[in-house]
Amino acid sequence: MYLPFEQLPENSRVWVYQSERKLTEKEIELVRKRLERFCEGWNTHGNGMPTSFDILNEQILVLAVDESGLGASGCSIDSSVKALRELESLLGVNLTDQGKISVRNSEGDLKVFPALGLRSKVQTGELNQEQEVINPMIRIKADLQNLWQPVRNSWLNKYFPN
């Protein structure tokens, strides 16, 4: 059962997906319609779950489920990935590949890098310690207040000379 994102409890489980480019207004509307429909029918073992989503910076999709009544099963998680892959195909973007890093500069501009080749991004200055990166430890809605963390305080710091 779909609920507005702000109505889900803070302990709702979340999954963060990143597009390598900003979505257009038309694409965002398509995503909203498709995900609202998906959330209306998202269930675990035939039981509906309170679910929602949010789109951040026109590029980051957060899918959420309140697991306080029923936990999301493997099959229900698989169905969410299937819905996201359908969106990928419709939009020509990559959402489900976890091998990418989203970085934000002080102006709020996002860049998405493939995880492979990060060392060269540091060497060329495309990636620096003053930028922010999505925190991969985000697991529940309350964690979203710490979605971004400075590169210098993240696992990416190992790529910089000390």
N, C-alpha and C. Protein backbone atom coordinates (compact mmCIF):
# COMPACT_ATOMS: atom_id res chain seq x y z
N MET A 1 0.84 -1.17 0.00
CA MET A 1 0.00 0.00 0.00
C MET A 1 0.89 1.24 0.00
N TYR A 2 0.64 2.12 -0.95
CA TYR A 2 1.43 3.34 -1.09
C TYR A 2 1.02 4.37 -0.05
N LEU A 3 2.01 4.99 0.57
CA LEU A 3 1.81 6.12 1.48
C LEU A 3 2.75 7.25 1.05
N PRO A 4 2.38 8.50 1.28
CA PRO A 4 3.35 9.57 1.05
C PRO A 4 4.61 9.31 1.90
N PHE A 5 5.76 9.63 1.34
CA PHE A 5 7.04 9.31 1.97
C PHE A 5 7.13 9.83 3.40
N GLU A 6 6.66 11.05 3.63
CA GLU A 6 6.77 11.64 4.97
C GLU A 6 5.91 10.91 6.00
N GLN A 7 4.96 10.10 5.57
CA GLN A 7 4.11 9.37 6.51
C GLN A 7 4.72 8.04 6.98
N LEU A 8 5.75 7.58 6.31
CA LEU A 8 6.40 6.35 6.75
C LEU A 8 7.21 6.62 8.02
N PRO A 9 7.23 5.67 8.96
CA PRO A 9 8.01 5.88 10.18
C PRO A 9 9.51 5.96 9.89
N GLU A 10 10.21 6.58 10.82
CA GLU A 10 11.66 6.79 10.67
C GLU A 10 12.45 5.48 10.63
N ASN A 11 11.88 4.40 11.15
CA ASN A 11 12.60 3.12 11.14
C ASN A 11 12.28 2.29 9.90
N SER A 12 11.62 2.88 8.92
CA SER A 12 11.34 2.18 7.66
C SER A 12 12.65 1.87 6.94
N ARG A 13 12.70 0.70 6.36
CA ARG A 13 13.89 0.28 5.61
C ARG A 13 13.94 1.04 4.29
N VAL A 14 15.13 1.46 3.88
CA VAL A 14 15.28 2.18 2.62
C VAL A 14 16.39 1.56 1.77
N TRP A 15 16.21 1.74 0.47
CA TRP A 15 17.22 1.39 -0.51
C TRP A 15 17.45 2.63 -1.36
N VAL A 16 18.71 2.97 -1.60
CA VAL A 16 19.07 4.17 -2.34
C VAL A 16 19.62 3.75 -3.70
N TYR A 17 19.01 4.30 -4.75
CA TYR A 17 19.44 4.01 -6.12
C TYR A 17 19.84 5.33 -6.78
N GLN A 18 20.87 5.25 -7.62
CA GLN A 18 21.43 6.45 -8.22
C GLN A 18 21.40 6.35 -9.75
N SER A 19 20.94 7.39 -10.38
CA SER A 19 20.99 7.48 -11.83
C SER A 19 22.26 8.23 -12.21
N GLU A 20 22.86 7.85 -13.31
CA GLU A 20 24.10 8.53 -13.72
C GLU A 20 23.83 9.92 -14.31
N ARG A 21 22.56 10.25 -14.50
CA ARG A 21 22.21 11.58 -15.00
C ARG A 21 20.92 12.05 -14.34
N LYS A 22 20.70 13.38 -14.40
CA LYS A 22 19.44 13.92 -13.90
C LYS A 22 18.30 13.47 -14.80
N LEU A 23 17.16 13.26 -14.17
CA LEU A 23 15.97 12.91 -14.92
C LEU A 23 15.23 14.19 -15.30
N THR A 24 14.60 14.18 -16.46
CA THR A 24 13.81 15.32 -16.88
C THR A 24 12.49 15.34 -16.10
N GLU A 25 11.79 16.45 -16.16
CA GLU A 25 10.48 16.54 -15.48
C GLU A 25 9.53 15.46 -15.98
N LYS A 26 9.53 15.23 -17.27
CA LYS A 26 8.67 14.20 -17.87
C LYS A 26 9.06 12.81 -17.35
N GLU A 27 10.35 12.55 -17.26
CA GLU A 27 10.82 11.26 -16.75
C GLU A 27 10.47 11.09 -15.27
N ILE A 28 10.60 12.16 -14.50
CA ILE A 28 10.26 12.09 -13.08
C ILE A 28 8.78 11.78 -12.91
N GLU A 29 7.95 12.39 -13.73
CA GLU A 29 6.51 12.11 -13.67
C GLU A 29 6.24 10.64 -13.99
N LEU A 30 6.92 10.10 -14.99
CA LEU A 30 6.78 8.69 -15.33
C LEU A 30 7.22 7.81 -14.16
N VAL A 31 8.35 8.14 -13.55
CA VAL A 31 8.85 7.38 -12.40
C VAL A 31 7.82 7.41 -11.27
N ARG A 32 7.29 8.59 -10.99
CA ARG A 32 6.29 8.72 -9.91
C ARG A 32 5.08 7.84 -10.16
N LYS A 33 4.54 7.91 -11.37
CA LYS A 33 3.36 7.10 -11.70
C LYS A 33 3.65 5.61 -11.59
N ARG A 34 4.77 5.20 -12.15
CA ARG A 34 5.13 3.77 -12.12
C ARG A 34 5.37 3.28 -10.69
N LEU A 35 6.10 4.07 -9.91
CA LEU A 35 6.42 3.62 -8.55
C LEU A 35 5.21 3.69 -7.62
N GLU A 36 4.33 4.65 -7.81
CA GLU A 36 3.11 4.66 -7.01
C GLU A 36 2.30 3.39 -7.28
N ARG A 37 2.19 3.03 -8.54
CA ARG A 37 1.47 1.80 -8.92
C ARG A 37 2.18 0.57 -8.33
N PHE A 38 3.50 0.54 -8.44
CA PHE A 38 4.25 -0.58 -7.87
C PHE A 38 4.03 -0.66 -6.36
N CYS A 39 4.16 0.47 -5.67
CA CYS A 39 4.00 0.48 -4.20
C CYS A 39 2.61 0.05 -3.78
N GLU A 40 1.59 0.40 -4.55
CA GLU A 40 0.22 -0.03 -4.23
C GLU A 40 0.12 -1.55 -4.17
N GLY A 41 0.86 -2.23 -5.01
CA GLY A 41 0.78 -3.69 -5.07
C GLY A 41 1.93 -4.43 -4.42
N TRP A 42 2.92 -3.70 -3.87
CA TRP A 42 4.09 -4.36 -3.31
C TRP A 42 3.68 -5.12 -2.07
N ASN A 43 4.01 -6.38 -2.03
CA ASN A 43 3.62 -7.19 -0.88
C ASN A 43 4.67 -8.23 -0.57
N THR A 44 4.54 -8.82 0.60
CA THR A 44 5.39 -9.93 1.00
C THR A 44 4.48 -11.08 1.37
N HIS A 45 4.65 -12.18 0.69
CA HIS A 45 3.83 -13.38 0.91
C HIS A 45 2.34 -13.05 0.85
N GLY A 46 1.96 -12.18 -0.11
CA GLY A 46 0.57 -11.84 -0.32
C GLY A 46 0.01 -10.77 0.60
N ASN A 47 0.81 -10.26 1.52
CA ASN A 47 0.35 -9.22 2.44
C ASN A 47 0.95 -7.88 2.03
N GLY A 48 0.08 -6.89 1.90
CA GLY A 48 0.53 -5.55 1.53
C GLY A 48 1.42 -4.94 2.60
N MET A 49 2.34 -4.12 2.17
CA MET A 49 3.26 -3.44 3.09
C MET A 49 3.15 -1.93 2.86
N PRO A 50 3.19 -1.13 3.92
CA PRO A 50 3.25 0.33 3.72
C PRO A 50 4.57 0.69 3.04
N THR A 51 4.48 1.29 1.87
CA THR A 51 5.67 1.58 1.08
C THR A 51 5.59 2.97 0.48
N SER A 52 6.75 3.46 0.08
CA SER A 52 6.80 4.76 -0.57
C SER A 52 8.14 4.91 -1.28
N PHE A 53 8.33 6.09 -1.84
CA PHE A 53 9.59 6.42 -2.50
C PHE A 53 9.77 7.92 -2.47
N ASP A 54 10.98 8.34 -2.75
CA ASP A 54 11.27 9.76 -2.88
C ASP A 54 12.32 9.90 -3.98
N ILE A 55 12.31 11.03 -4.64
CA ILE A 55 13.30 11.33 -5.67
C ILE A 55 14.06 12.56 -5.20
N LEU A 56 15.35 12.42 -5.03
CA LEU A 56 16.20 13.50 -4.53
C LEU A 56 17.10 14.03 -5.65
N ASN A 57 17.24 15.32 -5.73
CA ASN A 57 18.15 15.95 -6.69
C ASN A 57 17.90 15.50 -8.12
N GLU A 58 16.68 15.10 -8.42
CA GLU A 58 16.28 14.65 -9.77
C GLU A 58 17.12 13.48 -10.26
N GLN A 59 17.81 12.79 -9.33
CA GLN A 59 18.78 11.78 -9.75
C GLN A 59 18.88 10.59 -8.79
N ILE A 60 18.42 10.76 -7.58
CA ILE A 60 18.56 9.71 -6.58
C ILE A 60 17.17 9.23 -6.18
N LEU A 61 16.97 7.95 -6.27
CA LEU A 61 15.68 7.37 -5.94
C LEU A 61 15.80 6.59 -4.64
N VAL A 62 14.90 6.87 -3.70
CA VAL A 62 14.88 6.18 -2.41
C VAL A 62 13.58 5.39 -2.34
N LEU A 63 13.69 4.10 -2.21
CA LEU A 63 12.53 3.22 -2.05
C LEU A 63 12.47 2.83 -0.59
N ALA A 64 11.27 2.88 0.01
CA ALA A 64 11.13 2.65 1.45
C ALA A 64 9.97 1.72 1.75
N VAL A 65 10.12 0.93 2.80
CA VAL A 65 9.04 0.06 3.26
C VAL A 65 9.04 0.02 4.78
N ASP A 66 7.86 0.10 5.35
CA ASP A 66 7.69 -0.03 6.80
C ASP A 66 7.60 -1.52 7.10
N GLU A 67 8.65 -2.04 7.70
CA GLU A 67 8.72 -3.47 8.00
C GLU A 67 8.23 -3.81 9.41
N SER A 68 7.61 -2.85 10.09
CA SER A 68 7.21 -3.11 11.48
C SER A 68 6.15 -4.20 11.57
N GLY A 69 5.30 -4.32 10.56
CA GLY A 69 4.30 -5.39 10.57
C GLY A 69 4.84 -6.66 9.95
N LEU A 70 5.38 -6.53 8.77
CA LEU A 70 5.93 -7.67 8.02
C LEU A 70 7.24 -7.23 7.40
N GLY A 71 8.25 -8.04 7.49
CA GLY A 71 9.52 -7.72 6.85
C GLY A 71 9.46 -8.00 5.36
N ALA A 72 10.21 -7.25 4.60
CA ALA A 72 10.30 -7.47 3.16
C ALA A 72 11.03 -8.79 2.91
N SER A 73 10.40 -9.67 2.17
CA SER A 73 11.00 -10.97 1.87
C SER A 73 11.92 -10.85 0.67
N GLY A 74 12.69 -11.89 0.43
CA GLY A 74 13.56 -11.90 -0.74
C GLY A 74 12.78 -11.73 -2.03
N CYS A 75 11.62 -12.37 -2.11
CA CYS A 75 10.79 -12.25 -3.31
C CYS A 75 10.27 -10.83 -3.49
N SER A 76 9.89 -10.19 -2.39
CA SER A 76 9.37 -8.82 -2.51
C SER A 76 10.50 -7.86 -2.91
N ILE A 77 11.69 -8.08 -2.40
CA ILE A 77 12.83 -7.24 -2.79
C ILE A 77 13.15 -7.47 -4.26
N ASP A 78 13.11 -8.73 -4.70
CA ASP A 78 13.33 -9.04 -6.11
C ASP A 78 12.32 -8.31 -6.99
N SER A 79 11.06 -8.24 -6.55
CA SER A 79 10.04 -7.56 -7.35
C SER A 79 10.34 -6.06 -7.45
N SER A 80 10.91 -5.47 -6.41
CA SER A 80 11.26 -4.05 -6.47
C SER A 80 12.40 -3.83 -7.47
N VAL A 81 13.36 -4.72 -7.47
CA VAL A 81 14.47 -4.60 -8.42
C VAL A 81 13.95 -4.77 -9.85
N LYS A 82 13.01 -5.67 -10.02
CA LYS A 82 12.40 -5.86 -11.35
C LYS A 82 11.72 -4.58 -11.80
N ALA A 83 10.98 -3.92 -10.91
CA ALA A 83 10.31 -2.66 -11.26
C ALA A 83 11.34 -1.59 -11.62
N LEU A 84 12.44 -1.54 -10.89
CA LEU A 84 13.49 -0.56 -11.18
C LEU A 84 14.17 -0.86 -12.51
N ARG A 85 14.36 -2.12 -12.83
CA ARG A 85 14.98 -2.49 -14.11
C ARG A 85 14.06 -2.11 -15.27
N GLU A 86 12.75 -2.22 -15.06
CA GLU A 86 11.82 -1.78 -16.10
C GLU A 86 11.96 -0.27 -16.32
N LEU A 87 12.11 0.48 -15.23
CA LEU A 87 12.33 1.93 -15.35
C LEU A 87 13.64 2.22 -16.07
N GLU A 88 14.68 1.45 -15.75
CA GLU A 88 15.96 1.63 -16.43
C GLU A 88 15.79 1.51 -17.94
N SER A 89 15.06 0.49 -18.34
CA SER A 89 14.85 0.25 -19.75
C SER A 89 14.05 1.37 -20.41
N LEU A 90 13.01 1.84 -19.74
CA LEU A 90 12.18 2.91 -20.28
C LEU A 90 12.95 4.23 -20.38
N LEU A 91 13.79 4.51 -19.40
CA LEU A 91 14.46 5.81 -19.31
C LEU A 91 15.87 5.83 -19.90
N GLY A 92 16.44 4.67 -20.14
CA GLY A 92 17.81 4.62 -20.64
C GLY A 92 18.82 5.07 -19.61
N VAL A 93 18.56 4.72 -18.33
CA VAL A 93 19.48 5.05 -17.25
C VAL A 93 19.83 3.78 -16.48
N ASN A 94 20.85 3.88 -15.65
CA ASN A 94 21.24 2.76 -14.81
C ASN A 94 20.94 3.13 -13.36
N LEU A 95 20.05 2.39 -12.73
CA LEU A 95 19.71 2.62 -11.33
C LEU A 95 20.24 1.53 -10.42
N THR A 96 20.24 0.30 -10.90
CA THR A 96 20.49 -0.85 -10.01
C THR A 96 21.94 -1.27 -9.91
N ASP A 97 22.80 -0.77 -10.77
CA ASP A 97 24.22 -1.12 -10.70
C ASP A 97 24.83 -0.46 -9.47
N GLN A 98 25.31 -1.26 -8.54
CA GLN A 98 25.89 -0.72 -7.30
C GLN A 98 27.35 -0.31 -7.48
N GLY A 99 27.89 -0.46 -8.67
CA GLY A 99 29.29 -0.14 -8.92
C GLY A 99 29.53 1.30 -9.32
N LYS A 100 28.80 2.21 -8.70
CA LYS A 100 29.01 3.62 -9.01
C LYS A 100 28.95 4.45 -7.73
N ILE A 101 29.56 5.61 -7.81
CA ILE A 101 29.69 6.50 -6.65
C ILE A 101 29.09 7.85 -7.03
N SER A 102 28.17 8.35 -6.21
CA SER A 102 27.61 9.69 -6.43
C SER A 102 28.33 10.68 -5.54
N VAL A 103 28.80 11.75 -6.15
CA VAL A 103 29.57 12.77 -5.46
C VAL A 103 28.90 14.12 -5.69
N ARG A 104 28.87 14.93 -4.64
CA ARG A 104 28.24 16.25 -4.71
C ARG A 104 29.27 17.30 -4.33
N ASN A 105 29.33 18.39 -5.12
CA ASN A 105 30.26 19.47 -4.77
C ASN A 105 29.55 20.50 -3.90
N SER A 106 30.25 21.56 -3.51
CA SER A 106 29.71 22.54 -2.57
C SER A 106 28.52 23.31 -3.16
N GLU A 107 28.40 23.34 -4.48
CA GLU A 107 27.24 23.99 -5.12
C GLU A 107 26.05 23.05 -5.22
N GLY A 108 26.22 21.78 -4.83
CA GLY A 108 25.13 20.82 -4.89
C GLY A 108 25.04 20.05 -6.19
N ASP A 109 25.99 20.27 -7.09
CA ASP A 109 26.01 19.55 -8.36
C ASP A 109 26.45 18.11 -8.14
N LEU A 110 25.74 17.18 -8.77
CA LEU A 110 26.06 15.76 -8.63
C LEU A 110 26.83 15.24 -9.83
N LYS A 111 27.78 14.37 -9.54
CA LYS A 111 28.49 13.61 -10.56
C LYS A 111 28.46 12.17 -10.11
N VAL A 112 28.28 11.28 -11.07
CA VAL A 112 28.28 9.86 -10.75
C VAL A 112 29.46 9.23 -11.49
N PHE A 113 30.34 8.59 -10.70
CA PHE A 113 31.53 7.95 -11.24
C PHE A 113 31.38 6.44 -11.15
N PRO A 114 31.95 5.72 -12.12
CA PRO A 114 32.07 4.28 -11.92
C PRO A 114 33.05 4.03 -10.77
N ALA A 115 32.79 3.03 -9.95
CA ALA A 115 33.69 2.74 -8.82
C ALA A 115 35.08 2.35 -9.32
N LEU A 116 35.12 1.70 -10.47
CA LEU A 116 36.43 1.37 -11.06
C LEU A 116 37.06 2.66 -11.57
N GLY A 117 38.29 2.87 -11.28
CA GLY A 117 38.99 4.05 -11.76
C GLY A 117 38.94 5.24 -10.83
N LEU A 118 38.54 5.02 -9.58
CA LEU A 118 38.48 6.14 -8.63
C LEU A 118 39.85 6.79 -8.40
N ARG A 119 40.89 5.96 -8.37
CA ARG A 119 42.23 6.49 -8.15
C ARG A 119 42.59 7.54 -9.21
N SER A 120 42.22 7.28 -10.45
CA SER A 120 42.53 8.25 -11.51
C SER A 120 41.70 9.52 -11.34
N LYS A 121 40.49 9.41 -10.82
CA LYS A 121 39.66 10.60 -10.56
C LYS A 121 40.30 11.47 -9.48
N VAL A 122 40.93 10.85 -8.50
CA VAL A 122 41.65 11.60 -7.46
C VAL A 122 42.87 12.28 -8.09
N GLN A 123 43.62 11.55 -8.90
CA GLN A 123 44.84 12.09 -9.51
C GLN A 123 44.55 13.27 -10.44
N THR A 124 43.41 13.23 -11.13
CA THR A 124 43.07 14.33 -12.05
C THR A 124 42.35 15.48 -11.35
N GLY A 125 41.99 15.28 -10.07
CA GLY A 125 41.29 16.32 -9.32
C GLY A 125 39.78 16.32 -9.48
N GLU A 126 39.25 15.38 -10.27
CA GLU A 126 37.79 15.29 -10.41
C GLU A 126 37.12 14.90 -9.10
N LEU A 127 37.85 14.18 -8.27
CA LEU A 127 37.35 13.76 -6.96
C LEU A 127 38.29 14.34 -5.91
N ASN A 128 37.72 15.13 -4.99
CA ASN A 128 38.55 15.71 -3.94
C ASN A 128 37.88 15.54 -2.58
N GLN A 129 38.63 15.80 -1.55
CA GLN A 129 38.16 15.57 -0.19
C GLN A 129 37.12 16.59 0.27
N GLU A 130 36.94 17.67 -0.47
CA GLU A 130 35.95 18.68 -0.10
C GLU A 130 34.55 18.33 -0.60
N GLN A 131 34.46 17.37 -1.48
CA GLN A 131 33.16 16.95 -1.99
C GLN A 131 32.47 16.03 -0.98
N GLU A 132 31.22 15.72 -1.26
CA GLU A 132 30.46 14.79 -0.42
C GLU A 132 30.06 13.58 -1.26
N VAL A 133 29.95 12.46 -0.58
CA VAL A 133 29.60 11.20 -1.23
C VAL A 133 28.41 10.60 -0.49
N ILE A 134 27.62 9.80 -1.21
CA ILE A 134 26.50 9.13 -0.56
C ILE A 134 27.05 8.11 0.43
N ASN A 135 26.52 8.15 1.62
CA ASN A 135 26.92 7.23 2.68
C ASN A 135 26.33 5.85 2.39
N PRO A 136 27.16 4.84 2.16
CA PRO A 136 26.64 3.51 1.83
C PRO A 136 26.02 2.78 3.03
N MET A 137 26.10 3.37 4.22
CA MET A 137 25.56 2.72 5.42
C MET A 137 24.09 3.08 5.67
N ILE A 138 23.48 3.82 4.78
CA ILE A 138 22.07 4.19 4.93
C ILE A 138 21.21 2.93 4.86
N ARG A 139 20.43 2.68 5.89
CA ARG A 139 19.58 1.49 5.94
C ARG A 139 18.13 1.80 6.29
N ILE A 140 17.91 2.88 7.07
CA ILE A 140 16.55 3.23 7.46
C ILE A 140 16.29 4.71 7.13
N LYS A 141 15.03 5.07 7.10
CA LYS A 141 14.64 6.43 6.72
C LYS A 141 15.33 7.49 7.59
N ALA A 142 15.46 7.25 8.88
CA ALA A 142 16.12 8.22 9.76
C ALA A 142 17.56 8.48 9.33
N ASP A 143 18.22 7.49 8.73
CA ASP A 143 19.60 7.66 8.27
C ASP A 143 19.72 8.66 7.12
N LEU A 144 18.61 8.93 6.44
CA LEU A 144 18.68 9.82 5.27
C LEU A 144 19.14 11.22 5.64
N GLN A 145 19.01 11.61 6.91
CA GLN A 145 19.53 12.92 7.31
C GLN A 145 21.06 12.95 7.21
N ASN A 146 21.68 11.78 7.13
CA ASN A 146 23.13 11.66 6.95
C ASN A 146 23.46 11.00 5.61
N LEU A 147 22.59 11.24 4.61
CA LEU A 147 22.80 10.62 3.30
C LEU A 147 24.16 11.01 2.71
N TRP A 148 24.53 12.26 2.89
CA TRP A 148 25.79 12.75 2.35
C TRP A 148 26.83 12.87 3.45
N GLN A 149 28.04 12.44 3.14
CA GLN A 149 29.15 12.60 4.08
C GLN A 149 30.36 13.11 3.32
N PRO A 150 31.21 13.90 3.99
CA PRO A 150 32.41 14.40 3.32
C PRO A 150 33.29 13.23 2.85
N VAL A 151 33.84 13.39 1.67
CA VAL A 151 34.73 12.36 1.13
C VAL A 151 35.83 12.05 2.13
N ARG A 152 36.35 13.09 2.80
CA ARG A 152 37.46 12.87 3.75
C ARG A 152 37.07 11.97 4.92
N ASN A 153 35.76 11.87 5.23
CA ASN A 153 35.29 11.02 6.32
C ASN A 153 34.69 9.70 5.83
N SER A 154 34.87 9.42 4.56
CA SER A 154 34.27 8.22 3.96
C SER A 154 35.34 7.18 3.63
N TRP A 155 34.89 6.07 3.15
CA TRP A 155 35.80 5.01 2.73
C TRP A 155 36.66 5.45 1.54
N LEU A 156 36.25 6.51 0.84
CA LEU A 156 37.03 7.01 -0.30
C LEU A 156 38.32 7.70 0.12
N ASN A 157 38.42 8.05 1.38
CA ASN A 157 39.61 8.75 1.88
C ASN A 157 40.89 7.95 1.64
N LYS A 158 40.77 6.63 1.54
CA LYS A 158 41.97 5.79 1.34
C LYS A 158 42.65 6.07 0.00
N TYR A 159 41.95 6.72 -0.91
CA TYR A 159 42.54 7.03 -2.22
C TYR A 159 43.35 8.31 -2.22
N PHE A 160 43.34 9.02 -1.11
CA PHE A 160 44.06 10.29 -1.01
C PHE A 160 45.34 10.11 -0.21
N PRO A 161 46.42 10.83 -0.61
CA PRO A 161 47.65 10.75 0.19
C PRO A 161 47.41 11.40 1.56
N ASN A 162 47.95 10.80 2.58
CA ASN A 162 47.78 11.35 3.95
C ASN A 162 48.81 12.36 4.28
